[in-house]
Amino acid sequence: MMNPNGNPAQSLTFPAAMGQAQRPTGPILGIVIATVIFFVAQLAALPAGLPTEGAGLTFVQQAVLTGSFGVGAILLMLWVRFKERRPIRSLGFAAPSAGVKILRGALIGLVMISAVALITVATGQGTLGAPNWNALLPALVLLVGFTIQGSTEELFARGYLVQAVSWKWGLLAAFVVQTVWFTLLHGANGGITVVPVLNLVLVAVFLGFWSLAEEGLWGVCAFHAVWNWGQGNLWGAHVSNMDVETSVLSFRPTPGASDLISGGSFGFEGSLVSSLMLALGTIVAVIMVRRRRRAATADPL
């Protein structure tokens, strides 16, 4: 279908943007390229040293680990621009309402991760120590790193992989691929069990539908950044079985607390409270996608 200005490329929806490429990448090569670029880029973090399971994550380690994701983002953008020959904005970064989507995504991320923390404390499964205001500025600096890290993961999973796979195999296959890829990407985290895996799947599905509802990645990038940052640097919970040393608050499971509720040593993403929040978010995102499709069908243009 052609848009009113006669440019067929501009009428393509966000998942179908691979159709804008002069030299498009197919599903198999797309999966290989995304995986190779992502893991090669992680070599940039090696100078900071790899934290051991259960050990504290220092400010420098956290800054380098999160910031190094930007290398992968740059490499993927170069592939899209010079190999595929399509605009970088086609990955999900169209300009209209970007600021609104970013603010909304960040706010939803803050509300949801805060709800997880407060529900856990309210049910007696966790406690909060006194705030450390001296950590506020360093924590805000680390939010920049999480913005790079979270946005890069969205760029690869909900952006590039969805576009590379849906172009030939359809949107359902693209959703399956991005969900499996995203889950396996985090599968090496220490102490991972069934609940963290469930939550990884829920995050992938939730953010997948959200990106469809907004026709892009601005909102999900902001959500991902604040959700990740809020766990350790704001609330002070463990993150994937690691203790974050730079945190404003200090969450700890109460003695005898259920790991299913508190998340245990793994952190909030090992909690069924997170599962509940992510499931609710998924339901809302699905409703928004359906409303968007109904509105598009009803539009005579």
Foldseek 3Di string as FASTA:
>chain_A
DADPVRDNQVPDFLLQNLVQFPQGAAQVVLVVVLVVLQVVLQVQLPVVPDDDFLEEQELVSLLRNLQSLLSSVVVVQCCCCPVRNGHSCSLFNDPPCLVVLLVVLQVLLQVLLVQLQVVCVVVQFKDKDAFDVVLVVSLVVSLVSLLSRLLSLCSSQLGRNSNNHCNPPNNVVSLVVSLVVQLVVCVPQPPDDDQLSLLSSLLSLLQNLLCLLVSGCSSSSSSRSNNQSCFPAEQQWAASSHGYPRHGMHMDTDVPRDCQSQVHSRTSSSHVSSVVSSVVSSVVSNVSNVVVVVVVVPDPD
